[in-house]
Amino acid sequence: MLPMILLVPALVAPAPTARPLWISTLPTQPGRVYGLGVAALTTDAVTLRQVSDNARIDVISRLRANVIGDTKVITNYNESRTTGGGPATASRTQNVQVNTQVLAQAADLPGLVVEETFMDRPGGTGYALAYLDLAIAQQELQTRLDTLKADLGAQRSEQGVRAKLVEAQALKKTHGELVKLDDLAGLLSGGGGDPALRGEVLKTRLEVERRMVAARSALTFGLAPTPGMELDPDVKDVVRNAVLKEGMGWSDQNPLFSITLRARNGRNGVAVGQRAWWDRQRTPDFIVAQGSLSLTLVDSAGQQYESMTIAAKGVGVNEFQADSLLLADYKAKLGKAVAAWLNDLARW
């Protein structure tokens, strides 16, 4: 009898997947910019996300390497005073500077996609190939710009406090979008896109900058006179400087917004800076000066926007030092409070 032969199917290992050529040599195609992403292999989901993000970033890096510069608009403030105690006058000027900073994030650039991924399991490495389609990106950015320009054309300067606040906030939002577009258009021009798009974006951005300065300057602030209250010039300077630093206007006569300062205890004849609103406590070693003032922000129509009380304290070895430290503490808190008010006004 012939021996029985058992036919067992052979276990054939699958042929290893060949490494794509794009891992060692990126493709070249007119109208596209390619990038490679690499990451250590962990879980498939995590590795896929990492290599995809890295591939997009590599595309941006390649574009950035070709960018000559980025536009930065600087606004300068100049103030002059008239003699004899007259009201201060102010003006603003702009200049355009160029630097090499590019702020775009990969996710903000349209037309940027991941084309392929490859997981090299024996090598423990993941790869991704991404590319930017310049035509798609340029078309999308042009559409965004056209929409912003249409919105700008529909905006009209109106009278009234609330209308001016709304206008300033709308311009601020538009300006932020144009800054992004300027950055992205600069990247596209570095990759071979049409440089005319960035020129159009820059022109619109500068126009919005001009309108922003005008709109914020029209939001004028001043200190309301309080009967029997004398303001220390340094305290007034703190308020004015905080307003001007935020790009708002200052007016000693008929401002849109008025800030009043009153002693919390309601004393008459308060003189800020002349020890009319704080008290001193003596200890064997120190003198403690402490007090508080209330601030109220109202518009020209009498609408109250903000109100708060600021407490200040100064500790010194003598009265002069304690008083000086108290005033320094109060001025620092006052400047921060006014700046916070101005930032919050846009929400009204």
C-alpha atoms as a PDB file:
ATOM      1  CA  MET A   1       0.000   0.000   0.000  1.00  0.00           C
ATOM      2  CA  LEU A   2       1.281   3.376  -0.939  1.00  0.00           C
ATOM      3  CA  PRO A   3       1.850   5.731   1.943  1.00  0.00           C
ATOM      4  CA  MET A   4      -0.841   8.387   2.418  1.00  0.00           C
ATOM      5  CA  ILE A   5       0.343  11.834   1.525  1.00  0.00           C
ATOM      6  CA  LEU A   6      -1.329  14.783   3.283  1.00  0.00           C
ATOM      7  CA  LEU A   7      -1.451  17.871   1.134  1.00  0.00           C
ATOM      8  CA  VAL A   8      -1.167  20.881   3.443  1.00  0.00           C
ATOM      9  CA  PRO A   9      -1.511  24.344   1.883  1.00  0.00           C
ATOM     10  CA  ALA A  10       1.695  26.297   2.144  1.00  0.00           C
ATOM     11  CA  LEU A  11       1.643  29.416   4.376  1.00  0.00           C
ATOM     12  CA  VAL A  12       2.779  32.125   2.003  1.00  0.00           C
ATOM     13  CA  ALA A  13       3.687  35.468   3.641  1.00  0.00           C
ATOM     14  CA  PRO A  14       2.177  38.472   1.897  1.00  0.00           C
ATOM     15  CA  ALA A  15       4.591  40.452  -0.148  1.00  0.00           C
ATOM     16  CA  PRO A  16       5.686  43.601   1.678  1.00  0.00           C
ATOM     17  CA  THR A  17       4.093  46.787   0.410  1.00  0.00           C
ATOM     18  CA  ALA A  18       6.629  48.745  -1.568  1.00  0.00           C
ATOM     19  CA  ARG A  19       7.713  52.084  -0.187  1.00  0.00           C
ATOM     20  CA  PRO A  20       6.255  54.888  -2.305  1.00  0.00           C
ATOM     21  CA  LEU A  21       8.700  56.833  -4.398  1.00  0.00           C
ATOM     22  CA  TRP A  22       7.459  60.139  -2.942  1.00  0.00           C
ATOM     23  CA  ILE A  23       9.076  59.305   0.410  1.00  0.00           C
ATOM     24  CA  SER A  24      12.520  59.821  -1.096  1.00  0.00           C
ATOM     25  CA  THR A  25      11.627  62.194  -3.956  1.00  0.00           C
ATOM     26  CA  LEU A  26       8.698  64.600  -3.814  1.00  0.00           C
ATOM     27  CA  PRO A  27       6.579  64.858  -6.961  1.00  0.00           C
ATOM     28  CA  THR A  28       6.718  67.953  -9.115  1.00  0.00           C
ATOM     29  CA  GLN A  29       3.658  69.255 -10.920  1.00  0.00           C
ATOM     30  CA  PRO A  30       2.868  72.740 -12.249  1.00  0.00           C
ATOM     31  CA  GLY A  31       0.493  74.621  -9.972  1.00  0.00           C
ATOM     32  CA  ARG A  32       1.200  72.439  -6.951  1.00  0.00           C
ATOM     33  CA  VAL A  33       3.549  72.609  -3.963  1.00  0.00           C
ATOM     34  CA  TYR A  34       4.254  69.280  -2.261  1.00  0.00           C
ATOM     35  CA  GLY A  35       5.333  68.470   1.284  1.00  0.00           C
ATOM     36  CA  LEU A  36       6.275  65.353   3.286  1.00  0.00           C
ATOM     37  CA  GLY A  37       5.167  64.488   6.809  1.00  0.00           C
ATOM     38  CA  VAL A  38       6.941  61.925   9.000  1.00  0.00           C
ATOM     39  CA  ALA A  39       6.107  60.593  12.481  1.00  0.00           C
ATOM     40  CA  ALA A  40       6.935  57.607  14.678  1.00  0.00           C
ATOM     41  CA  LEU A  41       4.418  54.798  14.333  1.00  0.00           C
ATOM     42  CA  THR A  42       2.133  54.388  17.365  1.00  0.00           C
ATOM     43  CA  THR A  43      -1.555  53.701  16.837  1.00  0.00           C
ATOM     44  CA  ASP A  44      -2.852  54.100  13.302  1.00  0.00           C
ATOM     45  CA  ALA A  45      -5.225  56.916  14.232  1.00  0.00           C
ATOM     46  CA  VAL A  46      -2.617  58.943  16.115  1.00  0.00           C
ATOM     47  CA  THR A  47       0.077  58.373  13.511  1.00  0.00           C
ATOM     48  CA  LEU A  48      -2.265  59.301  10.670  1.00  0.00           C
ATOM     49  CA  ARG A  49      -3.130  62.597  12.341  1.00  0.00           C
ATOM     50  CA  GLN A  50       0.510  63.399  13.102  1.00  0.00           C
ATOM     51  CA  VAL A  51       1.886  62.659   9.649  1.00  0.00           C
ATOM     52  CA  SER A  52      -0.979  64.535   7.990  1.00  0.00           C
ATOM     53  CA  ASP A  53      -0.390  67.627  10.137  1.00  0.00           C
ATOM     54  CA  ASN A  54       3.362  67.419   9.563  1.00  0.00           C
ATOM     55  CA  ALA A  55       2.878  67.124   5.807  1.00  0.00           C
ATOM     56  CA  ARG A  56       0.710  70.249   5.717  1.00  0.00           C
ATOM     57  CA  ILE A  57       3.247  72.100   7.833  1.00  0.00           C
ATOM     58  CA  ASP A  58       6.017  71.027   5.469  1.00  0.00           C
ATOM     59  CA  VAL A  59       4.107  72.584   2.565  1.00  0.00           C
ATOM     60  CA  ILE A  60       3.786  75.823   4.517  1.00  0.00           C
ATOM     61  CA  SER A  61       7.493  75.725   5.379  1.00  0.00           C
ATOM     62  CA  ARG A  62       8.417  75.358   1.722  1.00  0.00           C
ATOM     63  CA  LEU A  63       6.218  78.325   0.850  1.00  0.00           C
ATOM     64  CA  ARG A  64       7.626  80.350   3.722  1.00  0.00           C
ATOM     65  CA  ALA A  65      11.169  79.775   2.516  1.00  0.00           C
ATOM     66  CA  ASN A  66      10.266  81.652  -0.668  1.00  0.00           C
ATOM     67  CA  VAL A  67       8.500  84.569   1.030  1.00  0.00           C
ATOM     68  CA  ILE A  68      10.558  87.740   0.860  1.00  0.00           C
ATOM     69  CA  GLY A  69       8.719  89.626   3.568  1.00  0.00           C
ATOM     70  CA  ASP A  70       5.503  90.346   5.356  1.00  0.00           C
ATOM     71  CA  THR A  71       3.805  93.704   5.698  1.00  0.00           C
ATOM     72  CA  LYS A  72       3.364  95.319   9.089  1.00  0.00           C
ATOM     73  CA  VAL A  73       1.470  98.556   9.609  1.00  0.00           C
ATOM     74  CA  ILE A  74       2.609 100.705  12.549  1.00  0.00           C
ATOM     75  CA  THR A  75       0.495 103.525  13.969  1.00  0.00           C
ATOM     76  CA  ASN A  76       2.289 106.276  15.898  1.00  0.00           C
ATOM     77  CA  TYR A  77       0.653 108.737  18.254  1.00  0.00           C
ATOM     78  CA  ASN A  78       1.802 112.319  18.717  1.00  0.00           C
ATOM     79  CA  GLU A  79       0.438 114.762  21.279  1.00  0.00           C
ATOM     80  CA  SER A  80       1.025 118.460  21.738  1.00  0.00           C
ATOM     81  CA  ARG A  81      -0.215 120.872  24.365  1.00  0.00           C
ATOM     82  CA  THR A  82      -1.143 124.492  24.048  1.00  0.00           C
ATOM     83  CA  THR A  83       0.282 127.002  26.462  1.00  0.00           C
ATOM     84  CA  GLY A  84      -1.843 128.504  29.168  1.00  0.00           C
ATOM     85  CA  GLY A  85      -3.604 125.301  30.148  1.00  0.00           C
ATOM     86  CA  GLY A  86      -5.515 124.872  26.887  1.00  0.00           C
ATOM     87  CA  PRO A  87      -6.795 121.497  25.654  1.00  0.00           C
ATOM     88  CA  ALA A  88      -4.345 118.987  24.307  1.00  0.00           C
ATOM     89  CA  THR A  89      -4.362 118.138  20.637  1.00  0.00           C
ATOM     90  CA  ALA A  90      -3.356 114.844  19.135  1.00  0.00           C
ATOM     91  CA  SER A  91      -2.599 113.264  15.788  1.00  0.00           C
ATOM     92  CA  ARG A  92      -1.708 109.842  14.445  1.00  0.00           C
ATOM     93  CA  THR A  93       0.564 108.823  11.604  1.00  0.00           C
ATOM     94  CA  GLN A  94       1.121 105.471   9.911  1.00  0.00           C
ATOM     95  CA  ASN A  95       4.093 103.865   8.260  1.00  0.00           C
ATOM     96  CA  VAL A  96       4.507 100.486   6.618  1.00  0.00           C
ATOM     97  CA  GLN A  97       7.396  98.237   7.573  1.00  0.00           C
ATOM     98  CA  VAL A  98       8.491  94.918   6.096  1.00  0.00           C
ATOM     99  CA  ASN A  99       9.714  91.944   8.069  1.00  0.00           C
ATOM    100  CA  THR A 100      10.086  88.235   7.458  1.00  0.00           C
ATOM    101  CA  GLN A 101       7.461  87.047   9.914  1.00  0.00           C
ATOM    102  CA  VAL A 102       4.722  84.901   8.399  1.00  0.00           C
ATOM    103  CA  LEU A 103       1.897  83.953  10.709  1.00  0.00           C
ATOM    104  CA  ALA A 104      -0.236  81.592   8.620  1.00  0.00           C
ATOM    105  CA  GLN A 105      -1.324  78.281  10.042  1.00  0.00           C
ATOM    106  CA  ALA A 106      -1.567  75.277   7.726  1.00  0.00           C
ATOM    107  CA  ALA A 107      -5.266  74.757   8.433  1.00  0.00           C
ATOM    108  CA  ASP A 108      -6.092  78.302   7.232  1.00  0.00           C
ATOM    109  CA  LEU A 109      -4.833  77.753   3.703  1.00  0.00           C
ATOM    110  CA  PRO A 110      -7.504  76.505   1.258  1.00  0.00           C
ATOM    111  CA  GLY A 111      -6.510  73.938  -1.345  1.00  0.00           C
ATOM    112  CA  LEU A 112      -4.081  72.208   1.045  1.00  0.00           C
ATOM    113  CA  VAL A 113      -4.838  68.463   1.158  1.00  0.00           C
ATOM    114  CA  VAL A 114      -3.196  65.177   2.103  1.00  0.00           C
ATOM    115  CA  GLU A 115      -2.964  62.979  -1.006  1.00  0.00           C
ATOM    116  CA  GLU A 116      -1.418  59.734   0.296  1.00  0.00           C
ATOM    117  CA  THR A 117      -0.220  58.069   3.500  1.00  0.00           C
ATOM    118  CA  PHE A 118       2.067  55.095   4.094  1.00  0.00           C
ATOM    119  CA  MET A 119       2.722  53.117   7.273  1.00  0.00           C
ATOM    120  CA  ASP A 120       6.156  51.470   7.360  1.00  0.00           C
ATOM    121  CA  ARG A 121       5.447  48.987  10.146  1.00  0.00           C
ATOM    122  CA  PRO A 122       8.831  47.195  10.062  1.00  0.00           C
ATOM    123  CA  GLY A 123      10.524  50.581  10.226  1.00  0.00           C
ATOM    124  CA  GLY A 124       8.086  51.937  12.816  1.00  0.00           C
ATOM    125  CA  THR A 125       7.471  55.130  10.804  1.00  0.00           C
ATOM    126  CA  GLY A 126       4.482  56.761   9.171  1.00  0.00           C
ATOM    127  CA  TYR A 127       4.562  59.036   6.128  1.00  0.00           C
ATOM    128  CA  ALA A 128       2.135  61.418   4.438  1.00  0.00           C
ATOM    129  CA  LEU A 129       2.226  63.328   1.172  1.00  0.00           C
ATOM    130  CA  ALA A 130       0.395  66.650   1.025  1.00  0.00           C
ATOM    131  CA  TYR A 131       0.107  69.288  -1.666  1.00  0.00           C
ATOM    132  CA  LEU A 132      -1.262  72.768  -2.165  1.00  0.00           C
ATOM    133  CA  ASP A 133      -3.274  73.508  -5.288  1.00  0.00           C
ATOM    134  CA  LEU A 134      -2.341  77.118  -6.010  1.00  0.00           C
ATOM    135  CA  ALA A 135      -5.304  77.782  -8.313  1.00  0.00           C
ATOM    136  CA  ILE A 136      -7.867  76.591  -5.758  1.00  0.00           C
ATOM    137  CA  ALA A 137      -6.176  78.497  -2.954  1.00  0.00           C
ATOM    138  CA  GLN A 138      -5.955  81.700  -4.974  1.00  0.00           C
ATOM    139  CA  GLN A 139      -9.588  81.497  -6.058  1.00  0.00           C
ATOM    140  CA  GLU A 140     -10.769  80.969  -2.474  1.00  0.00           C
ATOM    141  CA  LEU A 141      -8.694  83.857  -1.127  1.00  0.00           C
ATOM    142  CA  GLN A 142      -9.991  86.133  -3.891  1.00  0.00           C
ATOM    143  CA  THR A 143     -13.556  85.181  -2.935  1.00  0.00           C
ATOM    144  CA  ARG A 144     -12.864  85.992   0.715  1.00  0.00           C
ATOM    145  CA  LEU A 145     -11.364  89.337  -0.250  1.00  0.00           C
ATOM    146  CA  ASP A 146     -14.298  90.230  -2.502  1.00  0.00           C
ATOM    147  CA  THR A 147     -16.712  89.437   0.339  1.00  0.00           C
ATOM    148  CA  LEU A 148     -14.798  91.640   2.793  1.00  0.00           C
ATOM    149  CA  LYS A 149     -14.672  94.503   0.280  1.00  0.00           C
ATOM    150  CA  ALA A 150     -18.408  94.228  -0.310  1.00  0.00           C
ATOM    151  CA  ASP A 151     -19.040  94.359   3.440  1.00  0.00           C
ATOM    152  CA  LEU A 152     -16.793  97.405   3.737  1.00  0.00           C
ATOM    153  CA  GLY A 153     -18.671  99.147   0.951  1.00  0.00           C
ATOM    154  CA  ALA A 154     -21.950  98.548   2.783  1.00  0.00           C
ATOM    155  CA  GLN A 155     -20.687 100.109   6.026  1.00  0.00           C
ATOM    156  CA  ARG A 156     -21.601 103.721   6.641  1.00  0.00           C
ATOM    157  CA  SER A 157     -20.345 106.083   9.312  1.00  0.00           C
ATOM    158  CA  GLU A 158     -23.272 106.980  11.550  1.00  0.00           C
ATOM    159  CA  GLN A 159     -23.818 109.344  14.426  1.00  0.00           C
ATOM    160  CA  GLY A 160     -24.521 108.213  17.953  1.00  0.00           C
ATOM    161  CA  VAL A 161     -22.432 106.489  20.563  1.00  0.00           C
ATOM    162  CA  ARG A 162     -23.675 102.952  19.970  1.00  0.00           C
ATOM    163  CA  ALA A 163     -23.399 103.296  16.188  1.00  0.00           C
ATOM    164  CA  LYS A 164     -19.780 104.398  16.521  1.00  0.00           C
ATOM    165  CA  LEU A 165     -19.026 101.468  18.824  1.00  0.00           C
ATOM    166  CA  VAL A 166     -20.567  99.029  16.335  1.00  0.00           C
ATOM    167  CA  GLU A 167     -18.579 100.603  13.487  1.00  0.00           C
ATOM    168  CA  ALA A 168     -15.290 100.360  15.383  1.00  0.00           C
ATOM    169  CA  GLN A 169     -15.924  96.720  16.293  1.00  0.00           C
ATOM    170  CA  ALA A 170     -16.875  95.798  12.696  1.00  0.00           C
ATOM    171  CA  LEU A 171     -13.713  97.392  11.351  1.00  0.00           C
ATOM    172  CA  LYS A 172     -11.623  95.590  13.955  1.00  0.00           C
ATOM    173  CA  LYS A 173     -13.088  92.235  12.891  1.00  0.00           C
ATOM    174  CA  THR A 174     -12.550  93.004   9.193  1.00  0.00           C
ATOM    175  CA  HIS A 175      -8.985  94.055   9.886  1.00  0.00           C
ATOM    176  CA  GLY A 176      -8.262  90.741  11.592  1.00  0.00           C
ATOM    177  CA  GLU A 177      -9.525  88.849   8.545  1.00  0.00           C
ATOM    178  CA  LEU A 178      -7.426  91.005   6.217  1.00  0.00           C
ATOM    179  CA  VAL A 179      -4.297  90.347   8.278  1.00  0.00           C
ATOM    180  CA  LYS A 180      -4.853  86.623   7.746  1.00  0.00           C
ATOM    181  CA  LEU A 181      -5.505  87.119   4.029  1.00  0.00           C
ATOM    182  CA  ASP A 182      -2.363  89.227   3.683  1.00  0.00           C
ATOM    183  CA  ASP A 183      -0.338  86.467   5.263  1.00  0.00           C
ATOM    184  CA  LEU A 184      -1.873  83.719   3.135  1.00  0.00           C
ATOM    185  CA  ALA A 185      -1.614  85.714  -0.082  1.00  0.00           C
ATOM    186  CA  GLY A 186       2.055  86.298   0.715  1.00  0.00           C
ATOM    187  CA  LEU A 187       2.589  82.561   1.040  1.00  0.00           C
ATOM    188  CA  LEU A 188       0.889  81.924  -2.293  1.00  0.00           C
ATOM    189  CA  SER A 189       3.018  84.519  -4.060  1.00  0.00           C
ATOM    190  CA  GLY A 190       6.098  82.770  -2.636  1.00  0.00           C
ATOM    191  CA  GLY A 191       4.892  79.495  -4.153  1.00  0.00           C
ATOM    192  CA  GLY A 192       4.260  80.922  -7.604  1.00  0.00           C
ATOM    193  CA  GLY A 193       0.802  82.423  -7.168  1.00  0.00           C
ATOM    194  CA  ASP A 194      -0.301  85.729  -8.646  1.00  0.00           C
ATOM    195  CA  PRO A 195       1.378  88.550  -6.640  1.00  0.00           C
ATOM    196  CA  ALA A 196      -1.392  90.938  -7.702  1.00  0.00           C
ATOM    197  CA  LEU A 197      -3.725  89.293  -5.171  1.00  0.00           C
ATOM    198  CA  ARG A 198      -1.505  90.256  -2.283  1.00  0.00           C
ATOM    199  CA  GLY A 199      -1.239  93.790  -3.599  1.00  0.00           C
ATOM    200  CA  GLU A 200      -5.026  94.025  -3.634  1.00  0.00           C
ATOM    201  CA  VAL A 201      -5.226  92.621  -0.103  1.00  0.00           C
ATOM    202  CA  LEU A 202      -2.617  95.079   1.154  1.00  0.00           C
ATOM    203  CA  LYS A 203      -4.432  98.025  -0.419  1.00  0.00           C
ATOM    204  CA  THR A 204      -7.682  97.018   1.281  1.00  0.00           C
ATOM    205  CA  ARG A 205      -5.915  96.368   4.573  1.00  0.00           C
ATOM    206  CA  LEU A 206      -4.348  99.820   4.617  1.00  0.00           C
ATOM    207  CA  GLU A 207      -7.710 101.406   3.852  1.00  0.00           C
ATOM    208  CA  VAL A 208      -9.264  99.562   6.793  1.00  0.00           C
ATOM    209  CA  GLU A 209      -6.349 100.651   8.991  1.00  0.00           C
ATOM    210  CA  ARG A 210      -7.094 104.256   8.063  1.00  0.00           C
ATOM    211  CA  ARG A 211     -10.794 103.849   8.792  1.00  0.00           C
ATOM    212  CA  MET A 212     -10.051 102.090  12.073  1.00  0.00           C
ATOM    213  CA  VAL A 213      -7.905 104.971  13.266  1.00  0.00           C
ATOM    214  CA  ALA A 214     -10.626 107.452  12.323  1.00  0.00           C
ATOM    215  CA  ALA A 215     -13.400 105.395  13.931  1.00  0.00           C
ATOM    216  CA  ARG A 216     -11.545 104.817  17.192  1.00  0.00           C
ATOM    217  CA  SER A 217     -10.400 108.424  17.349  1.00  0.00           C
ATOM    218  CA  ALA A 218     -14.036 109.492  17.044  1.00  0.00           C
ATOM    219  CA  LEU A 219     -14.720 107.619  20.298  1.00  0.00           C
ATOM    220  CA  THR A 220     -13.559 110.483  22.489  1.00  0.00           C
ATOM    221  CA  PHE A 221     -13.112 110.291  26.254  1.00  0.00           C
ATOM    222  CA  GLY A 222     -12.577 112.863  28.946  1.00  0.00           C
ATOM    223  CA  LEU A 223     -12.742 113.401  32.689  1.00  0.00           C
ATOM    224  CA  ALA A 224     -16.012 114.880  33.877  1.00  0.00           C
ATOM    225  CA  PRO A 225     -15.603 117.826  36.252  1.00  0.00           C
ATOM    226  CA  THR A 226     -16.935 117.106  39.727  1.00  0.00           C
ATOM    227  CA  PRO A 227     -17.964 120.058  41.898  1.00  0.00           C
ATOM    228  CA  GLY A 228     -15.492 120.576  44.714  1.00  0.00           C
ATOM    229  CA  MET A 229     -13.036 118.040  43.326  1.00  0.00           C
ATOM    230  CA  GLU A 230      -9.549 118.931  42.176  1.00  0.00           C
ATOM    231  CA  LEU A 231      -7.658 116.363  40.095  1.00  0.00           C
ATOM    232  CA  ASP A 232      -3.951 115.827  40.458  1.00  0.00           C
ATOM    233  CA  PRO A 233      -2.384 116.305  36.974  1.00  0.00           C
ATOM    234  CA  ASP A 234      -0.604 112.944  37.218  1.00  0.00           C
ATOM    235  CA  VAL A 235      -3.899 111.133  37.789  1.00  0.00           C
ATOM    236  CA  LYS A 236      -5.430 112.839  34.763  1.00  0.00           C
ATOM    237  CA  ASP A 237      -2.401 111.830  32.698  1.00  0.00           C
ATOM    238  CA  VAL A 238      -2.872 108.191  33.707  1.00  0.00           C
ATOM    239  CA  VAL A 239      -6.450 108.198  32.409  1.00  0.00           C
ATOM    240  CA  ARG A 240      -5.578 110.054  29.203  1.00  0.00           C
ATOM    241  CA  ASN A 241      -2.588 107.825  28.433  1.00  0.00           C
ATOM    242  CA  ALA A 242      -4.681 104.678  28.930  1.00  0.00           C
ATOM    243  CA  VAL A 243      -7.263 106.030  26.465  1.00  0.00           C
ATOM    244  CA  LEU A 244      -4.674 107.033  23.877  1.00  0.00           C
ATOM    245  CA  LYS A 245      -2.815 103.735  24.208  1.00  0.00           C
ATOM    246  CA  GLU A 246      -5.972 101.909  23.137  1.00  0.00           C
ATOM    247  CA  GLY A 247      -6.232 104.154  20.064  1.00  0.00           C
ATOM    248  CA  MET A 248      -9.228 106.110  21.316  1.00  0.00           C
ATOM    249  CA  GLY A 249      -9.581 109.884  21.198  1.00  0.00           C
ATOM    250  CA  TRP A 250      -9.248 112.349  24.053  1.00  0.00           C
ATOM    251  CA  SER A 251     -11.184 115.559  24.418  1.00  0.00           C
ATOM    252  CA  ASP A 252     -11.307 118.044  27.262  1.00  0.00           C
ATOM    253  CA  GLN A 253     -14.580 119.433  25.941  1.00  0.00           C
ATOM    254  CA  ASN A 254     -17.776 117.514  25.053  1.00  0.00           C
ATOM    255  CA  PRO A 255     -16.356 113.962  24.826  1.00  0.00           C
ATOM    256  CA  LEU A 256     -18.611 111.051  23.867  1.00  0.00           C
ATOM    257  CA  PHE A 257     -17.657 109.286  27.105  1.00  0.00           C
ATOM    258  CA  SER A 258     -16.947 110.853  30.471  1.00  0.00           C
ATOM    259  CA  ILE A 259     -15.126 109.307  33.415  1.00  0.00           C
ATOM    260  CA  THR A 260     -15.954 110.637  36.867  1.00  0.00           C
ATOM    261  CA  LEU A 261     -13.825 110.108  39.956  1.00  0.00           C
ATOM    262  CA  ARG A 262     -15.379 110.400  43.412  1.00  0.00           C
ATOM    263  CA  ALA A 263     -14.233 109.543  46.899  1.00  0.00           C
ATOM    264  CA  ARG A 264     -16.120 106.522  48.146  1.00  0.00           C
ATOM    265  CA  ASN A 265     -16.922 108.155  51.480  1.00  0.00           C
ATOM    266  CA  GLY A 266     -18.637 111.038  49.686  1.00  0.00           C
ATOM    267  CA  ARG A 267     -16.516 113.798  51.189  1.00  0.00           C
ATOM    268  CA  ASN A 268     -16.727 117.259  49.722  1.00  0.00           C
ATOM    269  CA  GLY A 269     -13.653 118.965  48.376  1.00  0.00           C
ATOM    270  CA  VAL A 270     -11.853 115.829  47.284  1.00  0.00           C
ATOM    271  CA  ALA A 271      -8.413 116.630  45.902  1.00  0.00           C
ATOM    272  CA  VAL A 272      -6.756 113.594  44.362  1.00  0.00           C
ATOM    273  CA  GLY A 273      -3.052 113.751  45.141  1.00  0.00           C
ATOM    274  CA  GLN A 274      -3.511 116.079  48.109  1.00  0.00           C
ATOM    275  CA  ARG A 275      -4.540 113.559  50.785  1.00  0.00           C
ATOM    276  CA  ALA A 276      -8.258 114.338  50.719  1.00  0.00           C
ATOM    277  CA  TRP A 277      -9.476 110.816  50.010  1.00  0.00           C
ATOM    278  CA  TRP A 278      -7.215 108.540  52.037  1.00  0.00           C
ATOM    279  CA  ASP A 279      -6.392 108.012  55.685  1.00  0.00           C
ATOM    280  CA  ARG A 280      -3.185 107.204  57.507  1.00  0.00           C
ATOM    281  CA  GLN A 281      -2.631 104.646  60.213  1.00  0.00           C
ATOM    282  CA  ARG A 282       0.506 104.714  62.311  1.00  0.00           C
ATOM    283  CA  THR A 283       2.374 101.733  63.696  1.00  0.00           C
ATOM    284  CA  PRO A 284       5.585 101.745  65.717  1.00  0.00           C
ATOM    285  CA  ASP A 285       7.627 101.194  62.537  1.00  0.00           C
ATOM    286  CA  PHE A 286       5.511 102.251  59.531  1.00  0.00           C
ATOM    287  CA  ILE A 287       2.825 104.598  58.300  1.00  0.00           C
ATOM    288  CA  VAL A 288       0.044 103.005  56.238  1.00  0.00           C
ATOM    289  CA  ALA A 289      -1.891 105.225  53.813  1.00  0.00           C
ATOM    290  CA  GLN A 290      -5.032 103.679  52.307  1.00  0.00           C
ATOM    291  CA  GLY A 291      -8.188 104.889  50.605  1.00  0.00           C
ATOM    292  CA  SER A 292     -10.517 104.267  47.674  1.00  0.00           C
ATOM    293  CA  LEU A 293     -12.084 106.136  44.773  1.00  0.00           C
ATOM    294  CA  SER A 294     -15.073 105.187  42.647  1.00  0.00           C
ATOM    295  CA  LEU A 295     -15.041 105.512  38.856  1.00  0.00           C
ATOM    296  CA  THR A 296     -18.069 105.769  36.584  1.00  0.00           C
ATOM    297  CA  LEU A 297     -18.122 105.713  32.783  1.00  0.00           C
ATOM    298  CA  VAL A 298     -21.105 107.364  31.072  1.00  0.00           C
ATOM    299  CA  ASP A 299     -21.781 108.507  27.517  1.00  0.00           C
ATOM    300  CA  SER A 300     -22.980 111.901  26.362  1.00  0.00           C
ATOM    301  CA  ALA A 301     -26.597 110.746  26.584  1.00  0.00           C
ATOM    302  CA  GLY A 302     -26.213 109.790  30.245  1.00  0.00           C
ATOM    303  CA  GLN A 303     -26.066 106.021  29.664  1.00  0.00           C
ATOM    304  CA  GLN A 304     -23.872 104.395  32.313  1.00  0.00           C
ATOM    305  CA  TYR A 305     -21.507 101.709  31.025  1.00  0.00           C
ATOM    306  CA  GLU A 306     -19.149 100.833  33.848  1.00  0.00           C
ATOM    307  CA  SER A 307     -18.700 101.590  37.532  1.00  0.00           C
ATOM    308  CA  MET A 308     -16.137 100.303  39.977  1.00  0.00           C
ATOM    309  CA  THR A 309     -14.203 101.193  43.112  1.00  0.00           C
ATOM    310  CA  ILE A 310     -10.426 101.059  43.262  1.00  0.00           C
ATOM    311  CA  ALA A 311      -8.713 100.711  46.627  1.00  0.00           C
ATOM    312  CA  ALA A 312      -5.084 101.737  47.022  1.00  0.00           C
ATOM    313  CA  LYS A 313      -2.516 101.373  49.747  1.00  0.00           C
ATOM    314  CA  GLY A 314       0.955 102.633  50.527  1.00  0.00           C
ATOM    315  CA  VAL A 315       3.302 101.679  53.356  1.00  0.00           C
ATOM    316  CA  GLY A 316       6.289 103.857  54.196  1.00  0.00           C
ATOM    317  CA  VAL A 317       8.573 104.995  56.953  1.00  0.00           C
ATOM    318  CA  ASN A 318       7.138 108.510  56.755  1.00  0.00           C
ATOM    319  CA  GLU A 319       4.001 110.267  55.501  1.00  0.00           C
ATOM    320  CA  PHE A 320       5.545 111.386  52.211  1.00  0.00           C
ATOM    321  CA  GLN A 321       6.684 107.888  51.294  1.00  0.00           C
ATOM    322  CA  ALA A 322       3.370 106.299  52.296  1.00  0.00           C
ATOM    323  CA  ASP A 323       1.385 108.867  50.291  1.00  0.00           C
ATOM    324  CA  SER A 324       3.641 108.492  47.250  1.00  0.00           C
ATOM    325  CA  LEU A 325       3.334 104.694  47.254  1.00  0.00           C
ATOM    326  CA  LEU A 326      -0.439 104.913  47.637  1.00  0.00           C
ATOM    327  CA  LEU A 327      -0.702 107.227  44.621  1.00  0.00           C
ATOM    328  CA  ALA A 328       1.592 104.970  42.576  1.00  0.00           C
ATOM    329  CA  ASP A 329      -0.589 101.966  43.465  1.00  0.00           C
ATOM    330  CA  TYR A 330      -3.747 103.823  42.536  1.00  0.00           C
ATOM    331  CA  LYS A 331      -2.380 105.101  39.217  1.00  0.00           C
ATOM    332  CA  ALA A 332      -1.321 101.591  38.162  1.00  0.00           C
ATOM    333  CA  LYS A 333      -4.748 100.159  38.991  1.00  0.00           C
ATOM    334  CA  LEU A 334      -6.516 103.106  37.375  1.00  0.00           C
ATOM    335  CA  GLY A 335      -4.680 102.639  34.075  1.00  0.00           C
ATOM    336  CA  LYS A 336      -5.545  98.935  33.958  1.00  0.00           C
ATOM    337  CA  ALA A 337      -9.191  99.626  34.814  1.00  0.00           C
ATOM    338  CA  VAL A 338      -9.603 102.198  32.034  1.00  0.00           C
ATOM    339  CA  ALA A 339      -7.920  99.898  29.497  1.00  0.00           C
ATOM    340  CA  ALA A 340     -10.265  97.053  30.484  1.00  0.00           C
ATOM    341  CA  TRP A 341     -13.272  99.357  30.075  1.00  0.00           C
ATOM    342  CA  LEU A 342     -12.234 100.302  26.567  1.00  0.00           C
ATOM    343  CA  ASN A 343     -11.847  96.666  25.562  1.00  0.00           C
ATOM    344  CA  ASP A 344     -15.284  95.841  26.975  1.00  0.00           C
ATOM    345  CA  LEU A 345     -17.021  98.716  25.213  1.00  0.00           C
ATOM    346  CA  ALA A 346     -17.074  96.794  21.929  1.00  0.00           C
ATOM    347  CA  ARG A 347     -19.491  94.286  23.475  1.00  0.00           C
ATOM    348  CA  TRP A 348     -22.213  96.872  24.053  1.00  0.00           C
END
